[in-house]
Amino acid sequence: MVELVTRNYWWPGVTRDIGRYVEECNLCQRMKNRMEELAGKLKLSEVPEKPWTNLIVDFIMKLPVVAGKDAILVVCDWLSKMTHFVANTERTSAEGLVRLFRNNV
């Protein structure tokens, strides 16, 4: 915007005045140019050919303590939507999570 005005006009504080005008102008705020690139066309996700090749893994944390466990590891197969819920603790290490996954899924 500043470049367009300063092609033909100039006065002391031109940049400040243009910035103030744009901030207060309702139409300028609604019609702002996007600085980021536009998103491309959507692509379809590939459907897995067999179960248990694509997984969704998540944790449910901050649960009341029951039998020494206060979290749940959730593992879901993307194709069949079959889900495993594994009780664990929030303090379980990465190595412990690998063991839980191997033994329960």
C-alpha atoms as a PDB file:
ATOM      1  CA  MET A   1       0.000   0.000   0.000  1.00  0.00           C
ATOM      2  CA  VAL A   2       2.822   2.397   0.894  1.00  0.00           C
ATOM      3  CA  GLU A   3       4.528   1.741  -2.421  1.00  0.00           C
ATOM      4  CA  LEU A   4       1.388   2.624  -4.386  1.00  0.00           C
ATOM      5  CA  VAL A   5       0.958   5.979  -2.596  1.00  0.00           C
ATOM      6  CA  THR A   6       4.632   6.961  -2.676  1.00  0.00           C
ATOM      7  CA  ARG A   7       4.800   6.510  -6.443  1.00  0.00           C
ATOM      8  CA  ASN A   8       2.928   9.778  -6.868  1.00  0.00           C
ATOM      9  CA  TYR A   9       2.904  11.491  -3.435  1.00  0.00           C
ATOM     10  CA  TRP A  10       5.212  12.117  -0.513  1.00  0.00           C
ATOM     11  CA  TRP A  11       5.010  14.054   2.763  1.00  0.00           C
ATOM     12  CA  PRO A  12       6.755  13.790   6.145  1.00  0.00           C
ATOM     13  CA  GLY A  13       5.338  10.734   7.984  1.00  0.00           C
ATOM     14  CA  VAL A  14       3.710   9.210   4.880  1.00  0.00           C
ATOM     15  CA  THR A  15       4.414   5.636   6.040  1.00  0.00           C
ATOM     16  CA  ARG A  16       2.972   6.254   9.516  1.00  0.00           C
ATOM     17  CA  ASP A  17      -0.141   7.934   8.116  1.00  0.00           C
ATOM     18  CA  ILE A  18      -0.792   5.133   5.617  1.00  0.00           C
ATOM     19  CA  GLY A  19      -0.319   2.492   8.317  1.00  0.00           C
ATOM     20  CA  ARG A  20      -2.771   4.281  10.626  1.00  0.00           C
ATOM     21  CA  TYR A  21      -5.313   4.637   7.800  1.00  0.00           C
ATOM     22  CA  VAL A  22      -5.132   0.935   6.907  1.00  0.00           C
ATOM     23  CA  GLU A  23      -5.469  -0.147  10.579  1.00  0.00           C
ATOM     24  CA  GLU A  24      -8.612   1.966  11.018  1.00  0.00           C
ATOM     25  CA  CYS A  25     -10.230   1.256   7.649  1.00  0.00           C
ATOM     26  CA  ASN A  26     -12.925  -1.424   7.979  1.00  0.00           C
ATOM     27  CA  LEU A  27     -12.846  -2.313   4.268  1.00  0.00           C
ATOM     28  CA  CYS A  28      -9.026  -2.600   4.299  1.00  0.00           C
ATOM     29  CA  GLN A  29      -9.182  -5.012   7.237  1.00  0.00           C
ATOM     30  CA  ARG A  30     -11.810  -7.204   5.573  1.00  0.00           C
ATOM     31  CA  MET A  31     -10.110  -7.259   2.156  1.00  0.00           C
ATOM     32  CA  LYS A  32      -6.508  -7.882   3.301  1.00  0.00           C
ATOM     33  CA  ASN A  33      -4.264  -9.698   0.861  1.00  0.00           C
ATOM     34  CA  ARG A  34      -3.089 -13.068   2.085  1.00  0.00           C
ATOM     35  CA  MET A  35       0.640 -13.293   2.702  1.00  0.00           C
ATOM     36  CA  GLU A  36       0.731 -17.100   2.615  1.00  0.00           C
ATOM     37  CA  GLU A  37       0.489 -19.248  -0.454  1.00  0.00           C
ATOM     38  CA  LEU A  38      -2.950 -20.599  -1.329  1.00  0.00           C
ATOM     39  CA  ALA A  39      -3.541 -24.257  -0.585  1.00  0.00           C
ATOM     40  CA  GLY A  40      -3.396 -26.640  -3.510  1.00  0.00           C
ATOM     41  CA  LYS A  41      -5.996 -29.172  -4.517  1.00  0.00           C
ATOM     42  CA  LEU A  42      -6.957 -31.798  -1.978  1.00  0.00           C
ATOM     43  CA  LYS A  43      -5.456 -35.222  -2.470  1.00  0.00           C
ATOM     44  CA  LEU A  44      -7.189 -38.450  -1.520  1.00  0.00           C
ATOM     45  CA  SER A  45      -5.427 -40.492   1.112  1.00  0.00           C
ATOM     46  CA  GLU A  46      -4.249 -43.903   0.052  1.00  0.00           C
ATOM     47  CA  VAL A  47      -6.254 -46.722   1.602  1.00  0.00           C
ATOM     48  CA  PRO A  48      -4.010 -49.305   3.293  1.00  0.00           C
ATOM     49  CA  GLU A  49      -4.037 -52.695   1.617  1.00  0.00           C
ATOM     50  CA  LYS A  50      -3.972 -54.733   4.830  1.00  0.00           C
ATOM     51  CA  PRO A  51      -4.870 -54.096   8.471  1.00  0.00           C
ATOM     52  CA  TRP A  52      -2.343 -52.884  11.045  1.00  0.00           C
ATOM     53  CA  THR A  53      -0.061 -51.167   8.537  1.00  0.00           C
ATOM     54  CA  ASN A  54      -1.262 -47.619   9.361  1.00  0.00           C
ATOM     55  CA  LEU A  55      -1.917 -46.848  13.016  1.00  0.00           C
ATOM     56  CA  ILE A  56      -3.238 -43.940  15.022  1.00  0.00           C
ATOM     57  CA  VAL A  57      -1.682 -43.650  18.484  1.00  0.00           C
ATOM     58  CA  ASP A  58      -2.783 -41.291  21.255  1.00  0.00           C
ATOM     59  CA  PHE A  59      -2.722 -40.959  25.036  1.00  0.00           C
ATOM     60  CA  ILE A  60      -5.491 -40.171  27.490  1.00  0.00           C
ATOM     61  CA  MET A  61      -3.792 -38.551  30.498  1.00  0.00           C
ATOM     62  CA  LYS A  62      -4.662 -37.049  33.906  1.00  0.00           C
ATOM     63  CA  LEU A  63      -7.089 -39.803  34.867  1.00  0.00           C
ATOM     64  CA  PRO A  64      -7.884 -40.831  38.456  1.00  0.00           C
ATOM     65  CA  VAL A  65      -5.435 -43.453  39.728  1.00  0.00           C
ATOM     66  CA  VAL A  66      -6.890 -46.970  39.567  1.00  0.00           C
ATOM     67  CA  ALA A  67      -4.676 -49.964  40.358  1.00  0.00           C
ATOM     68  CA  GLY A  68      -1.622 -47.704  40.028  1.00  0.00           C
ATOM     69  CA  LYS A  69      -2.502 -46.597  36.484  1.00  0.00           C
ATOM     70  CA  ASP A  70      -3.438 -43.015  35.551  1.00  0.00           C
ATOM     71  CA  ALA A  71      -3.222 -42.940  31.733  1.00  0.00           C
ATOM     72  CA  ILE A  72      -4.410 -44.929  28.735  1.00  0.00           C
ATOM     73  CA  LEU A  73      -2.484 -45.675  25.548  1.00  0.00           C
ATOM     74  CA  VAL A  74      -4.937 -45.790  22.623  1.00  0.00           C
ATOM     75  CA  VAL A  75      -3.855 -47.603  19.441  1.00  0.00           C
ATOM     76  CA  CYS A  76      -6.263 -47.690  16.495  1.00  0.00           C
ATOM     77  CA  ASP A  77      -5.915 -49.391  13.115  1.00  0.00           C
ATOM     78  CA  TRP A  78      -6.674 -46.898  10.358  1.00  0.00           C
ATOM     79  CA  LEU A  79      -8.262 -49.453   8.001  1.00  0.00           C
ATOM     80  CA  SER A  80     -10.431 -51.596  10.276  1.00  0.00           C
ATOM     81  CA  LYS A  81     -10.891 -49.041  13.110  1.00  0.00           C
ATOM     82  CA  MET A  82     -10.056 -51.812  15.588  1.00  0.00           C
ATOM     83  CA  THR A  83      -8.831 -50.192  18.795  1.00  0.00           C
ATOM     84  CA  HIS A  84      -6.684 -51.314  21.724  1.00  0.00           C
ATOM     85  CA  PHE A  85      -6.757 -49.502  25.078  1.00  0.00           C
ATOM     86  CA  VAL A  86      -3.705 -50.138  27.276  1.00  0.00           C
ATOM     87  CA  ALA A  87      -3.596 -48.873  30.864  1.00  0.00           C
ATOM     88  CA  ASN A  88      -0.301 -47.263  31.888  1.00  0.00           C
ATOM     89  CA  THR A  89       1.129 -44.408  33.948  1.00  0.00           C
ATOM     90  CA  GLU A  90       2.087 -40.890  32.901  1.00  0.00           C
ATOM     91  CA  ARG A  91       5.643 -41.592  34.009  1.00  0.00           C
ATOM     92  CA  THR A  92       6.138 -44.494  31.600  1.00  0.00           C
ATOM     93  CA  SER A  93       9.388 -44.113  29.643  1.00  0.00           C
ATOM     94  CA  ALA A  94       9.720 -44.463  25.872  1.00  0.00           C
ATOM     95  CA  GLU A  95      11.209 -47.916  26.340  1.00  0.00           C
ATOM     96  CA  GLY A  96       8.280 -48.876  28.566  1.00  0.00           C
ATOM     97  CA  LEU A  97       5.809 -47.679  25.931  1.00  0.00           C
ATOM     98  CA  VAL A  98       7.540 -49.822  23.326  1.00  0.00           C
ATOM     99  CA  ARG A  99       7.120 -52.840  25.608  1.00  0.00           C
ATOM    100  CA  LEU A 100       3.447 -51.999  26.210  1.00  0.00           C
ATOM    101  CA  PHE A 101       2.875 -51.676  22.470  1.00  0.00           C
ATOM    102  CA  ARG A 102       4.685 -54.936  21.664  1.00  0.00           C
ATOM    103  CA  ASN A 103       2.930 -56.938  24.387  1.00  0.00           C
ATOM    104  CA  ASN A 104      -0.606 -55.569  23.934  1.00  0.00           C
ATOM    105  CA  VAL A 105      -1.125 -54.724  20.282  1.00  0.00           C
END
